[in-house]
Structures are given as structure tokens and as C-alpha cells.
N, C-alpha and C. Protein backbone atom coordinates (compact mmCIF):
# COMPACT_ATOMS: atom_id res chain seq x y z
N MET A 1 -54.10 32.01 41.64
CA MET A 1 -54.73 31.04 42.52
C MET A 1 -56.02 31.63 43.05
N LYS A 2 -57.10 30.90 42.85
CA LYS A 2 -58.41 31.40 43.27
C LYS A 2 -58.89 30.79 44.58
N GLU A 3 -58.61 29.50 44.78
CA GLU A 3 -59.10 28.78 45.96
C GLU A 3 -58.00 27.89 46.50
N GLY A 4 -57.99 27.68 47.81
CA GLY A 4 -57.07 26.72 48.39
C GLY A 4 -56.45 27.20 49.69
N ARG A 5 -55.46 26.45 50.14
CA ARG A 5 -54.73 26.78 51.36
C ARG A 5 -53.24 26.81 51.02
N ILE A 6 -52.62 27.95 51.30
CA ILE A 6 -51.20 28.16 51.03
C ILE A 6 -50.42 28.02 52.33
N ALA A 7 -49.34 27.25 52.31
CA ALA A 7 -48.44 27.16 53.46
C ALA A 7 -47.16 27.92 53.14
N VAL A 8 -46.76 28.80 54.06
CA VAL A 8 -45.55 29.58 53.88
C VAL A 8 -44.62 29.34 55.07
N PRO A 9 -43.44 28.74 54.84
CA PRO A 9 -42.47 28.60 55.93
C PRO A 9 -42.15 29.99 56.48
N SER A 10 -42.25 30.13 57.82
CA SER A 10 -42.17 31.45 58.43
C SER A 10 -41.27 31.45 59.67
N VAL A 11 -40.85 32.66 60.04
CA VAL A 11 -40.16 32.89 61.29
C VAL A 11 -41.24 33.08 62.36
N ALA A 12 -41.05 32.49 63.55
CA ALA A 12 -42.03 32.60 64.63
C ALA A 12 -42.26 34.08 64.96
N PRO A 13 -43.49 34.46 65.27
CA PRO A 13 -44.64 33.61 65.56
C PRO A 13 -45.47 33.20 64.35
N GLY A 14 -45.10 33.60 63.16
CA GLY A 14 -45.91 33.31 61.97
C GLY A 14 -46.97 34.37 61.77
N GLY A 15 -47.75 34.23 60.72
CA GLY A 15 -48.77 35.22 60.38
C GLY A 15 -48.35 36.04 59.18
N LEU A 16 -49.28 36.83 58.67
CA LEU A 16 -49.04 37.59 57.44
C LEU A 16 -47.90 38.59 57.56
N ASP A 17 -47.68 39.14 58.76
CA ASP A 17 -46.65 40.16 58.92
C ASP A 17 -45.30 39.59 59.32
N SER A 18 -45.19 38.28 59.41
CA SER A 18 -43.92 37.65 59.76
C SER A 18 -42.97 37.58 58.57
N GLU A 19 -41.70 37.39 58.88
CA GLU A 19 -40.70 37.16 57.85
C GLU A 19 -40.88 35.76 57.30
N ARG A 20 -40.65 35.62 56.01
CA ARG A 20 -40.69 34.31 55.37
C ARG A 20 -39.39 33.59 55.68
N SER A 21 -39.46 32.33 56.09
CA SER A 21 -38.26 31.53 56.31
C SER A 21 -37.76 31.05 54.96
N GLU A 22 -36.46 31.04 54.76
CA GLU A 22 -35.91 30.70 53.46
C GLU A 22 -35.92 29.22 53.14
N HIS A 23 -36.06 28.35 54.14
CA HIS A 23 -35.98 26.92 53.84
C HIS A 23 -37.13 26.15 54.46
N PHE A 24 -37.79 25.37 53.66
CA PHE A 24 -38.94 24.57 54.06
C PHE A 24 -38.68 23.74 55.31
N GLY A 25 -37.63 22.95 55.32
CA GLY A 25 -37.40 22.00 56.39
C GLY A 25 -36.89 22.60 57.69
N HIS A 26 -36.39 23.83 57.64
CA HIS A 26 -35.78 24.42 58.82
C HIS A 26 -36.58 25.59 59.39
N CYS A 27 -37.79 25.79 58.93
CA CYS A 27 -38.59 26.90 59.45
C CYS A 27 -39.10 26.57 60.85
N GLU A 28 -39.46 27.61 61.59
CA GLU A 28 -40.00 27.44 62.94
C GLU A 28 -41.49 27.12 62.90
N VAL A 29 -42.17 27.73 61.95
CA VAL A 29 -43.63 27.63 61.89
C VAL A 29 -44.07 27.82 60.44
N PHE A 30 -45.22 27.28 60.11
CA PHE A 30 -45.84 27.53 58.81
C PHE A 30 -47.02 28.47 59.02
N THR A 31 -47.12 29.48 58.17
CA THR A 31 -48.32 30.31 58.14
C THR A 31 -49.23 29.70 57.08
N LEU A 32 -50.45 29.34 57.48
CA LEU A 32 -51.43 28.76 56.57
C LEU A 32 -52.43 29.83 56.20
N VAL A 33 -52.57 30.08 54.91
CA VAL A 33 -53.43 31.15 54.41
C VAL A 33 -54.53 30.54 53.56
N ASP A 34 -55.77 30.72 54.00
CA ASP A 34 -56.92 30.22 53.24
C ASP A 34 -57.35 31.27 52.23
N VAL A 35 -57.54 30.81 50.99
CA VAL A 35 -57.87 31.70 49.88
C VAL A 35 -59.21 31.28 49.30
N LYS A 36 -60.08 32.27 49.07
CA LYS A 36 -61.36 32.03 48.42
C LYS A 36 -61.61 33.17 47.44
N ASP A 37 -61.99 32.82 46.23
CA ASP A 37 -62.24 33.82 45.18
C ASP A 37 -61.06 34.77 44.99
N GLY A 38 -59.83 34.23 45.16
CA GLY A 38 -58.64 35.03 44.93
C GLY A 38 -58.28 35.99 46.04
N HIS A 39 -58.96 35.87 47.20
CA HIS A 39 -58.72 36.77 48.33
C HIS A 39 -58.41 35.98 49.59
N ILE A 40 -57.64 36.58 50.49
CA ILE A 40 -57.31 35.95 51.77
C ILE A 40 -58.56 35.92 52.63
N GLU A 41 -58.92 34.71 53.08
CA GLU A 41 -60.12 34.53 53.90
C GLU A 41 -59.79 34.25 55.36
N GLY A 42 -58.62 33.68 55.62
CA GLY A 42 -58.26 33.35 56.99
C GLY A 42 -56.79 32.99 57.08
N VAL A 43 -56.24 33.13 58.29
CA VAL A 43 -54.83 32.85 58.52
C VAL A 43 -54.68 32.11 59.85
N THR A 44 -53.93 30.99 59.82
CA THR A 44 -53.59 30.25 61.03
C THR A 44 -52.11 29.90 60.96
N THR A 45 -51.58 29.39 62.06
CA THR A 45 -50.18 28.96 62.07
C THR A 45 -50.09 27.51 62.51
N LEU A 46 -49.01 26.85 62.10
CA LEU A 46 -48.78 25.45 62.41
C LEU A 46 -47.29 25.28 62.70
N PRO A 47 -46.92 24.85 63.93
CA PRO A 47 -45.50 24.63 64.21
C PRO A 47 -44.93 23.55 63.30
N ASN A 48 -43.68 23.72 62.88
CA ASN A 48 -43.01 22.72 62.06
C ASN A 48 -42.60 21.58 62.99
N PRO A 49 -43.04 20.34 62.71
CA PRO A 49 -42.65 19.22 63.58
C PRO A 49 -41.13 19.04 63.57
N PRO A 50 -40.53 18.72 64.73
CA PRO A 50 -39.08 18.51 64.76
C PRO A 50 -38.70 17.27 63.95
N HIS A 51 -37.54 17.33 63.30
CA HIS A 51 -37.08 16.19 62.50
C HIS A 51 -35.59 16.28 62.27
N MET A 52 -35.04 15.17 61.86
CA MET A 52 -33.63 15.10 61.51
C MET A 52 -33.50 15.38 60.01
N GLN A 53 -32.26 15.60 59.53
CA GLN A 53 -32.06 15.81 58.10
C GLN A 53 -32.63 14.63 57.33
N GLY A 54 -33.37 14.93 56.28
CA GLY A 54 -34.01 13.88 55.49
C GLY A 54 -35.34 13.46 56.07
N GLY A 55 -35.75 14.07 57.18
CA GLY A 55 -36.99 13.68 57.83
C GLY A 55 -38.14 14.63 57.62
N CYS A 56 -38.19 15.29 56.47
CA CYS A 56 -39.23 16.27 56.20
C CYS A 56 -40.57 15.65 55.83
N MET A 57 -40.62 14.33 55.68
CA MET A 57 -41.87 13.72 55.23
C MET A 57 -42.97 13.87 56.27
N LEU A 58 -42.63 13.92 57.55
CA LEU A 58 -43.65 14.18 58.57
C LEU A 58 -44.29 15.55 58.31
N THR A 59 -43.47 16.53 58.00
CA THR A 59 -43.98 17.86 57.69
C THR A 59 -44.85 17.83 56.44
N VAL A 60 -44.39 17.15 55.40
CA VAL A 60 -45.16 17.04 54.16
C VAL A 60 -46.52 16.41 54.44
N ASN A 61 -46.54 15.32 55.19
CA ASN A 61 -47.79 14.63 55.50
C ASN A 61 -48.72 15.49 56.35
N THR A 62 -48.15 16.23 57.30
CA THR A 62 -48.95 17.12 58.15
C THR A 62 -49.61 18.21 57.31
N LEU A 63 -48.85 18.82 56.40
CA LEU A 63 -49.42 19.86 55.54
C LEU A 63 -50.53 19.29 54.66
N ALA A 64 -50.32 18.10 54.13
CA ALA A 64 -51.36 17.47 53.30
C ALA A 64 -52.62 17.21 54.11
N GLN A 65 -52.46 16.74 55.35
CA GLN A 65 -53.61 16.47 56.22
C GLN A 65 -54.35 17.76 56.57
N LYS A 66 -53.65 18.87 56.57
CA LYS A 66 -54.27 20.17 56.88
C LYS A 66 -54.91 20.81 55.64
N GLY A 67 -54.89 20.11 54.51
CA GLY A 67 -55.56 20.61 53.32
C GLY A 67 -54.78 21.61 52.50
N VAL A 68 -53.47 21.64 52.68
CA VAL A 68 -52.63 22.58 51.93
C VAL A 68 -52.62 22.19 50.45
N THR A 69 -52.78 23.20 49.58
CA THR A 69 -52.78 22.97 48.13
C THR A 69 -51.58 23.61 47.45
N ALA A 70 -50.87 24.50 48.17
CA ALA A 70 -49.70 25.17 47.60
C ALA A 70 -48.75 25.57 48.72
N VAL A 71 -47.44 25.57 48.43
CA VAL A 71 -46.45 26.09 49.36
C VAL A 71 -45.59 27.11 48.62
N ILE A 72 -45.10 28.09 49.38
CA ILE A 72 -44.18 29.09 48.84
C ILE A 72 -42.87 28.91 49.57
N VAL A 73 -41.80 28.58 48.84
CA VAL A 73 -40.51 28.31 49.47
C VAL A 73 -39.39 29.13 48.85
N GLY A 74 -38.32 29.28 49.62
CA GLY A 74 -37.09 29.84 49.10
C GLY A 74 -36.14 28.71 48.76
N GLY A 75 -36.24 27.62 49.52
CA GLY A 75 -35.42 26.44 49.29
C GLY A 75 -36.11 25.21 49.84
N ILE A 76 -35.85 24.06 49.21
CA ILE A 76 -36.45 22.81 49.63
C ILE A 76 -35.59 21.67 49.09
N GLY A 77 -35.51 20.60 49.85
CA GLY A 77 -34.75 19.44 49.42
C GLY A 77 -35.55 18.55 48.48
N ARG A 78 -34.85 17.63 47.83
CA ARG A 78 -35.48 16.73 46.85
C ARG A 78 -36.58 15.87 47.48
N GLY A 79 -36.34 15.32 48.68
CA GLY A 79 -37.33 14.44 49.32
C GLY A 79 -38.67 15.12 49.56
N PRO A 80 -38.68 16.24 50.28
CA PRO A 80 -39.95 16.91 50.51
C PRO A 80 -40.58 17.44 49.22
N LEU A 81 -39.75 17.87 48.27
CA LEU A 81 -40.28 18.34 46.99
C LEU A 81 -41.09 17.22 46.32
N GLU A 82 -40.51 16.03 46.25
CA GLU A 82 -41.20 14.91 45.62
C GLU A 82 -42.44 14.51 46.42
N GLY A 83 -42.34 14.58 47.75
CA GLY A 83 -43.50 14.26 48.59
C GLY A 83 -44.65 15.22 48.36
N LEU A 84 -44.35 16.51 48.26
CA LEU A 84 -45.39 17.50 47.99
C LEU A 84 -46.01 17.28 46.62
N ARG A 85 -45.16 17.01 45.63
CA ARG A 85 -45.68 16.78 44.28
C ARG A 85 -46.59 15.56 44.24
N LYS A 86 -46.20 14.48 44.93
CA LYS A 86 -47.04 13.28 44.98
C LYS A 86 -48.39 13.58 45.62
N GLY A 87 -48.39 14.52 46.56
CA GLY A 87 -49.62 14.92 47.22
C GLY A 87 -50.40 15.97 46.45
N GLN A 88 -50.00 16.24 45.21
CA GLN A 88 -50.66 17.22 44.35
C GLN A 88 -50.62 18.63 44.94
N ILE A 89 -49.57 18.93 45.70
CA ILE A 89 -49.38 20.27 46.26
C ILE A 89 -48.41 21.03 45.36
N GLN A 90 -48.82 22.22 44.92
CA GLN A 90 -47.99 23.05 44.05
C GLN A 90 -46.89 23.73 44.87
N ILE A 91 -45.68 23.80 44.32
CA ILE A 91 -44.55 24.40 45.02
C ILE A 91 -44.10 25.63 44.23
N TYR A 92 -44.20 26.80 44.87
CA TYR A 92 -43.83 28.07 44.24
C TYR A 92 -42.54 28.61 44.83
N PHE A 93 -41.77 29.31 43.99
CA PHE A 93 -40.52 29.93 44.43
C PHE A 93 -40.79 31.34 44.92
N GLY A 94 -40.52 31.59 46.22
CA GLY A 94 -40.83 32.86 46.85
C GLY A 94 -39.98 34.03 46.43
N GLY A 95 -38.83 33.79 45.84
CA GLY A 95 -37.99 34.87 45.32
C GLY A 95 -37.65 35.92 46.36
N ASN A 96 -37.88 37.18 46.01
CA ASN A 96 -37.48 38.30 46.85
C ASN A 96 -38.52 38.71 47.89
N ALA A 97 -39.66 38.04 47.93
CA ALA A 97 -40.70 38.41 48.90
C ALA A 97 -40.24 37.99 50.29
N THR A 98 -39.92 38.95 51.15
CA THR A 98 -39.40 38.62 52.48
C THR A 98 -40.50 38.46 53.52
N LYS A 99 -41.64 39.08 53.32
CA LYS A 99 -42.76 38.97 54.26
C LYS A 99 -43.78 37.97 53.72
N VAL A 100 -44.43 37.28 54.63
CA VAL A 100 -45.45 36.30 54.24
C VAL A 100 -46.53 36.96 53.39
N ARG A 101 -47.03 38.11 53.83
CA ARG A 101 -48.10 38.81 53.10
C ARG A 101 -47.69 39.12 51.66
N ASP A 102 -46.46 39.62 51.48
CA ASP A 102 -45.99 39.96 50.13
C ASP A 102 -45.93 38.72 49.24
N ALA A 103 -45.46 37.61 49.80
CA ALA A 103 -45.36 36.37 49.03
C ALA A 103 -46.75 35.88 48.61
N VAL A 104 -47.69 35.89 49.54
CA VAL A 104 -49.04 35.42 49.24
C VAL A 104 -49.70 36.33 48.20
N GLU A 105 -49.56 37.63 48.35
CA GLU A 105 -50.17 38.56 47.39
C GLU A 105 -49.57 38.40 46.00
N THR A 106 -48.25 38.16 45.93
CA THR A 106 -47.61 37.93 44.63
C THR A 106 -48.19 36.68 43.97
N LEU A 107 -48.37 35.62 44.76
CA LEU A 107 -48.96 34.39 44.23
C LEU A 107 -50.40 34.64 43.76
N LEU A 108 -51.18 35.34 44.56
CA LEU A 108 -52.58 35.60 44.20
C LEU A 108 -52.69 36.45 42.93
N GLN A 109 -51.68 37.27 42.66
CA GLN A 109 -51.67 38.09 41.45
C GLN A 109 -51.18 37.31 40.23
N GLY A 110 -50.82 36.04 40.44
CA GLY A 110 -50.34 35.22 39.33
C GLY A 110 -48.93 35.54 38.89
N LYS A 111 -48.15 36.18 39.77
CA LYS A 111 -46.80 36.62 39.40
C LYS A 111 -45.68 35.79 40.03
N MET A 112 -46.02 34.66 40.66
CA MET A 112 -45.01 33.84 41.31
C MET A 112 -44.78 32.56 40.51
N PRO A 113 -43.52 32.27 40.17
CA PRO A 113 -43.24 31.06 39.37
C PRO A 113 -43.24 29.80 40.22
N LEU A 114 -43.55 28.69 39.57
CA LEU A 114 -43.38 27.39 40.21
C LEU A 114 -41.89 27.15 40.41
N LEU A 115 -41.54 26.42 41.46
CA LEU A 115 -40.15 26.08 41.72
C LEU A 115 -39.65 25.15 40.63
N SER A 116 -38.47 25.42 40.11
CA SER A 116 -37.89 24.54 39.09
C SER A 116 -36.97 23.52 39.76
N ASP A 117 -36.73 22.42 39.09
CA ASP A 117 -35.84 21.39 39.63
C ASP A 117 -34.43 21.94 39.87
N ALA A 118 -34.02 22.93 39.10
CA ALA A 118 -32.69 23.53 39.26
C ALA A 118 -32.55 24.29 40.57
N GLN A 119 -33.68 24.64 41.21
CA GLN A 119 -33.65 25.40 42.45
C GLN A 119 -33.71 24.51 43.69
N VAL A 120 -33.71 23.21 43.52
CA VAL A 120 -33.81 22.28 44.64
C VAL A 120 -32.48 22.20 45.38
N CYS A 121 -32.54 22.17 46.71
CA CYS A 121 -31.33 22.09 47.53
C CYS A 121 -30.77 20.67 47.50
N THR A 122 -29.45 20.59 47.57
CA THR A 122 -28.78 19.28 47.56
C THR A 122 -28.49 18.77 48.95
N GLY A 123 -28.74 19.58 49.98
CA GLY A 123 -28.43 19.18 51.34
C GLY A 123 -27.03 19.57 51.76
N GLU A 124 -26.27 20.17 50.86
CA GLU A 124 -24.90 20.56 51.17
C GLU A 124 -24.82 21.96 51.78
N HIS A 125 -25.90 22.70 51.70
CA HIS A 125 -25.93 24.04 52.27
C HIS A 125 -27.34 24.34 52.75
N HIS A 126 -27.46 25.38 53.56
CA HIS A 126 -28.77 25.75 54.10
C HIS A 126 -29.12 27.16 53.66
N HIS A 127 -30.42 27.39 53.51
CA HIS A 127 -30.90 28.72 53.13
C HIS A 127 -31.27 29.49 54.37
């Protein structure tokens, strides 16, 4: 990834040194990382709007309005996954990267896979 804004579900307070939250819909905050020429240019945080189960579309719409072009997740439900895809936002599987910085650097190195449909949460368990 050379250019764009990456959103990473994070444990509060967020930022590059924070722990990555394992589930998109249940994170406390998103760390937003601006990338230019393949390098980190800036970092901000965005609180995750409160919602009920199945109500992640507010979060999806907020990220789209903030110019997010990619997200790194450990888990995500079908609804928000489809919403992100419709918004042309790429969804990557964070794997073993526990820190936000490690996840972003792995993506920037081209070593992070896109999330597969087989990795989507069914809502029967939480990450």
C-alpha cells in the first residue's frame, strides 16, 4: 500500500503503540494511519460509535466519511464486511500482529493478506 488511510480497531487510547483490538465492531477506538509514498505520515484516533449487535453500519459509514481506504481486522461480521466492500474499502486480516504499529508495517511491506470470506464472524462468538 502506497497511499491512503488505514483504520485499525484498537484498545484505548489508540495510536501506533496500542494493542490491536481483535474485533471490528467491539473495539474502543480506531487508530487512523495516513500513508504517503509507502510511509506513515500521520496518526489520529476515532472513538468507535456505540451500537447494538448488527449496528456496525454507523461505524462503516463514519470510517468512509473519514477517508479510510483500508482496515486491518482480526474479526468482522458479514454486515460490516459487505458495507466496507461496497465503500471500496480493502479489508486485511491482521493475523498475529498484536500492536497497531506492527500491523500497519506488515501491510506497508505487502505481507498482509486480504480477509477471506471463511474468516468472517457469524455472530455466535466474539474475538
